[in-house]
Structures are given as structure tokens and as C-alpha cells.
Amino acid sequence: MDQAYEFKYVLEFAHQVLKNEKTKEDKILILDFMLDVIREDLKSQKLEDNSLDFRIGVIYEISKMKHHIEQEPT
């Protein structure tokens, strides 16, 4: 699977999961979990440069989503 497709899939998955969550707190918990999983993956694997760039890109985009949700009024 090429990385552009994987990147798009991960972000679409995150958006879809967030649609099912009702509260701001639950959305943030889900995004924190996703970020933790990716960070642990980075720690535990010896990654090639392109895999590293991919994961950093995903972390960046999910972090932006989380920031946007945190800024929403409760």
C-alpha cells in the first residue's frame, strides 16, 4: 500500500471515529490514544526515513485535529 493512500486512510479513519463520539472529552481521548499508538510505534521500530516522515505527518495532522476540538466551546 502506498504511503499517500495510508496517510489519507488514517486521517479518514480518525474523522469517522470522531463522528461517533458525542463529547469533546471523548474526542480528545480518542485522538490522544491514536497519537500514543503512533508514538509507541516510532519508539519500538527501526524505521526507514520515509516511514518516519509518514508517521510524523500523521502525528502532525491528528494533533491539528485535536487542537481544533480543544478550541471548540463546550
C-alpha atoms as a PDB file:
ATOM      1  CA  MET A   1       0.000   0.000   0.000  1.00  0.00           C
ATOM      2  CA  ASP A   2       1.476   3.345  -0.917  1.00  0.00           C
ATOM      3  CA  GLN A   3       2.021   5.899   1.821  1.00  0.00           C
ATOM      4  CA  ALA A   4      -0.198   8.603   0.330  1.00  0.00           C
ATOM      5  CA  TYR A   5      -3.126   6.171   0.484  1.00  0.00           C
ATOM      6  CA  GLU A   6      -2.210   5.080   4.016  1.00  0.00           C
ATOM      7  CA  PHE A   7      -1.967   8.703   5.141  1.00  0.00           C
ATOM      8  CA  LYS A   8      -5.395   9.519   3.697  1.00  0.00           C
ATOM      9  CA  TYR A   9      -6.868   6.343   5.198  1.00  0.00           C
ATOM     10  CA  VAL A  10      -5.576   7.110   8.705  1.00  0.00           C
ATOM     11  CA  LEU A  11      -6.981  10.631   8.627  1.00  0.00           C
ATOM     12  CA  GLU A  12     -10.337   9.489   7.222  1.00  0.00           C
ATOM     13  CA  PHE A  13     -10.475   6.822   9.925  1.00  0.00           C
ATOM     14  CA  ALA A  14      -9.817   9.436  12.604  1.00  0.00           C
ATOM     15  CA  HIS A  15     -12.564  11.686  11.231  1.00  0.00           C
ATOM     16  CA  GLN A  16     -15.012   8.785  11.078  1.00  0.00           C
ATOM     17  CA  VAL A  17     -14.282   7.726  14.653  1.00  0.00           C
ATOM     18  CA  LEU A  18     -14.750  11.297  15.852  1.00  0.00           C
ATOM     19  CA  LYS A  19     -18.178  11.491  14.213  1.00  0.00           C
ATOM     20  CA  ASN A  20     -19.336   8.699  16.520  1.00  0.00           C
ATOM     21  CA  GLU A  21     -18.158  10.452  19.680  1.00  0.00           C
ATOM     22  CA  LYS A  22     -20.566  12.864  21.337  1.00  0.00           C
ATOM     23  CA  THR A  23     -18.461  14.804  23.812  1.00  0.00           C
ATOM     24  CA  LYS A  24     -15.409  16.945  23.327  1.00  0.00           C
ATOM     25  CA  GLU A  25     -13.634  14.980  26.066  1.00  0.00           C
ATOM     26  CA  ASP A  26     -14.258  11.646  24.338  1.00  0.00           C
ATOM     27  CA  LYS A  27     -12.960  13.021  21.042  1.00  0.00           C
ATOM     28  CA  ILE A  28      -9.790  14.227  22.731  1.00  0.00           C
ATOM     29  CA  LEU A  29      -9.322  10.845  24.449  1.00  0.00           C
ATOM     30  CA  ILE A  30      -9.604   9.040  21.102  1.00  0.00           C
ATOM     31  CA  LEU A  31      -7.085  11.361  19.436  1.00  0.00           C
ATOM     32  CA  ASP A  32      -4.699  11.065  22.391  1.00  0.00           C
ATOM     33  CA  PHE A  33      -4.917   7.287  22.105  1.00  0.00           C
ATOM     34  CA  MET A  34      -4.156   7.402  18.379  1.00  0.00           C
ATOM     35  CA  LEU A  35      -1.193   9.703  18.983  1.00  0.00           C
ATOM     36  CA  ASP A  36       0.149   7.427  21.733  1.00  0.00           C
ATOM     37  CA  VAL A  37      -0.076   4.375  19.464  1.00  0.00           C
ATOM     38  CA  ILE A  38       1.859   6.118  16.693  1.00  0.00           C
ATOM     39  CA  ARG A  39       4.476   7.434  19.121  1.00  0.00           C
ATOM     40  CA  GLU A  40       4.985   3.958  20.609  1.00  0.00           C
ATOM     41  CA  ASP A  41       5.344   2.600  17.097  1.00  0.00           C
ATOM     42  CA  LEU A  42       8.073   5.165  16.460  1.00  0.00           C
ATOM     43  CA  LYS A  43       9.892   4.151  19.640  1.00  0.00           C
ATOM     44  CA  SER A  44       9.719   0.415  19.119  1.00  0.00           C
ATOM     45  CA  GLN A  45      10.611   0.056  15.463  1.00  0.00           C
ATOM     46  CA  LYS A  46      13.658   0.768  13.450  1.00  0.00           C
ATOM     47  CA  LEU A  47      12.066   2.793  10.709  1.00  0.00           C
ATOM     48  CA  GLU A  48      13.238   3.883   7.319  1.00  0.00           C
ATOM     49  CA  ASP A  49      13.260   7.616   6.635  1.00  0.00           C
ATOM     50  CA  ASN A  50      10.070   7.514   4.555  1.00  0.00           C
ATOM     51  CA  SER A  51       8.220   5.600   7.300  1.00  0.00           C
ATOM     52  CA  LEU A  52       9.409   8.128   9.841  1.00  0.00           C
ATOM     53  CA  ASP A  53       8.194  11.029   7.692  1.00  0.00           C
ATOM     54  CA  PHE A  54       4.834   9.301   7.250  1.00  0.00           C
ATOM     55  CA  ARG A  55       4.302   8.825  10.978  1.00  0.00           C
ATOM     56  CA  ILE A  56       5.419  12.347  11.796  1.00  0.00           C
ATOM     57  CA  GLY A  57       2.964  13.652   9.199  1.00  0.00           C
ATOM     58  CA  VAL A  58       0.138  11.644  10.747  1.00  0.00           C
ATOM     59  CA  ILE A  59       1.040  12.885  14.232  1.00  0.00           C
ATOM     60  CA  TYR A  60       1.022  16.458  12.935  1.00  0.00           C
ATOM     61  CA  GLU A  61      -2.399  16.137  11.287  1.00  0.00           C
ATOM     62  CA  ILE A  62      -4.017  14.367  14.236  1.00  0.00           C
ATOM     63  CA  SER A  63      -2.535  16.971  16.579  1.00  0.00           C
ATOM     64  CA  LYS A  64      -4.149  19.691  14.455  1.00  0.00           C
ATOM     65  CA  MET A  65      -7.495  17.894  14.708  1.00  0.00           C
ATOM     66  CA  LYS A  66      -7.099  17.658  18.480  1.00  0.00           C
ATOM     67  CA  HIS A  67      -6.202  21.342  18.761  1.00  0.00           C
ATOM     68  CA  HIS A  68      -9.278  22.286  16.730  1.00  0.00           C
ATOM     69  CA  ILE A  69     -11.519  20.208  19.003  1.00  0.00           C
ATOM     70  CA  GLU A  70      -9.920  21.664  22.132  1.00  0.00           C
ATOM     71  CA  GLN A  71     -10.753  25.163  20.874  1.00  0.00           C
ATOM     72  CA  GLU A  72     -14.447  24.337  20.400  1.00  0.00           C
ATOM     73  CA  PRO A  73     -16.764  25.696  23.064  1.00  0.00           C
ATOM     74  CA  THR A  74     -18.117  23.035  25.411  1.00  0.00           C
END
